């Protein structure tokens, strides 16, 4: 019964960090493209990149870029939780076979 609190703590931390990783990556890409659009020589590249990233996010967000960021973050969180659950199961399974 002592493994249940550690499982929940692990799942909570995994879900938070697995959500934040893709969200922060997408925000960094958006800020990078926005920064490039202010440089005169790279203005066209920055604006094109910004348009492509927002179109990509709107595809996943049913027309809303912010909803696309949230959907990608939630999917990343779900994958992280599933992987952590599998890893926890494997570690318990190996511990019981010793």
Protein backbone atom coordinates (compact mmCIF):
# COMPACT_ATOMS: atom_id res chain seq x y z
CA UNK A 1 0.00 0.00 0.00
CA UNK A 2 2.98 2.34 0.37
CA UNK A 3 3.59 2.32 -3.37
CA UNK A 4 0.28 4.03 -4.16
CA UNK A 5 1.27 7.50 -2.83
CA UNK A 6 4.57 7.35 -4.67
CA UNK A 7 2.74 6.35 -7.87
CA UNK A 8 0.35 9.30 -7.59
CA UNK A 9 3.19 11.72 -6.83
CA UNK A 10 5.14 10.40 -9.80
CA UNK A 11 2.10 10.65 -12.08
CA UNK A 12 1.38 14.21 -10.96
CA UNK A 13 4.95 15.37 -11.59
CA UNK A 14 5.10 13.53 -14.90
CA UNK A 15 1.84 15.02 -16.10
CA UNK A 16 2.91 18.56 -15.20
CA UNK A 17 6.32 18.33 -16.83
CA UNK A 18 5.02 16.42 -19.86
CA UNK A 19 2.47 19.18 -20.37
CA UNK A 20 4.95 22.02 -19.94
CA UNK A 21 7.67 20.64 -22.24
CA UNK A 22 5.77 20.87 -25.57
CA UNK A 23 3.97 24.06 -24.53
CA UNK A 24 7.25 25.81 -23.71
CA UNK A 25 8.79 24.51 -26.94
CA UNK A 26 5.91 25.90 -29.00
CA UNK A 27 6.06 29.23 -27.18
CA UNK A 28 9.82 29.38 -27.79
CA UNK A 29 9.26 28.68 -31.50
CA UNK A 30 6.61 31.41 -31.69
CA UNK A 31 8.82 33.92 -29.88
CA UNK A 32 11.79 33.00 -32.09
CA UNK A 33 9.76 33.50 -35.26
CA UNK A 34 8.40 36.76 -33.87
CA UNK A 35 11.93 37.91 -33.07
CA UNK A 36 13.12 37.05 -36.56
CA UNK A 37 10.31 39.10 -38.04
CA UNK A 38 11.79 42.24 -36.43
CA UNK A 39 15.18 41.78 -38.14
CA UNK A 40 14.98 43.57 -41.53
CA UNK A 41 16.99 40.96 -43.46
CA UNK A 42 14.97 38.07 -42.01
CA UNK A 43 11.56 39.71 -41.88
CA UNK A 44 10.03 37.58 -44.64
CA UNK A 45 11.40 34.36 -43.12
CA UNK A 46 10.14 35.31 -39.66
CA UNK A 47 6.66 36.23 -40.90
CA UNK A 48 6.44 33.05 -42.98
CA UNK A 49 7.55 30.95 -40.03
CA UNK A 50 5.05 32.66 -37.77
CA UNK A 51 2.25 32.01 -40.26
CA UNK A 52 3.21 28.35 -40.60
CA UNK A 53 3.40 27.79 -36.84
CA UNK A 54 0.05 29.46 -36.21
CA UNK A 55 -1.53 27.47 -39.05
CA UNK A 56 -0.13 24.27 -37.51
CA UNK A 57 -1.56 25.20 -34.10
CA UNK A 58 -4.91 26.16 -35.61
CA UNK A 59 -5.10 22.74 -37.24
CA UNK A 60 -4.91 21.03 -33.86
CA UNK A 61 -7.07 23.61 -32.12
CA UNK A 62 -10.06 23.65 -34.49
CA UNK A 63 -9.25 27.15 -35.68
CA UNK A 64 -7.79 28.51 -32.43
CA UNK A 65 -4.03 28.64 -31.96
CA UNK A 66 -4.20 28.72 -28.16
CA UNK A 67 -6.50 25.71 -28.13
CA UNK A 68 -3.96 23.94 -30.36
CA UNK A 69 -1.21 24.62 -27.83
CA UNK A 70 -3.39 23.21 -25.04
CA UNK A 71 -4.32 20.12 -27.08
CA UNK A 72 -0.69 19.37 -27.89
CA UNK A 73 0.24 19.87 -24.22
CA UNK A 74 -2.54 17.56 -23.04
CA UNK A 75 -1.53 14.86 -25.52
CA UNK A 76 2.08 15.15 -24.35
CA UNK A 77 0.89 14.87 -20.76
CA UNK A 78 -1.17 11.78 -21.54
CA UNK A 79 1.75 10.09 -23.26
CA UNK A 80 4.04 10.93 -20.33
CA UNK A 81 1.56 9.51 -17.81
CA UNK A 82 1.14 6.33 -19.84
CA UNK A 83 4.89 5.89 -20.09
CA UNK A 84 5.35 6.56 -16.36
CA UNK A 85 2.62 4.04 -15.50
CA UNK A 86 4.26 1.42 -17.68
CA UNK A 87 7.66 2.17 -16.16
CA UNK A 88 6.24 1.94 -12.64
CA UNK A 89 4.60 -1.39 -13.48
CA UNK A 90 7.84 -2.74 -14.92
CA UNK A 91 9.85 -1.69 -11.88
CA UNK A 92 7.31 -3.35 -9.55
CA UNK A 93 7.32 -6.47 -11.70
CA UNK A 94 11.12 -6.68 -11.62
CA UNK A 95 11.20 -6.03 -7.88
CA UNK A 96 8.79 -8.93 -7.22
CA UNK A 97 10.91 -11.39 -9.25
CA UNK A 98 14.05 -10.94 -7.18
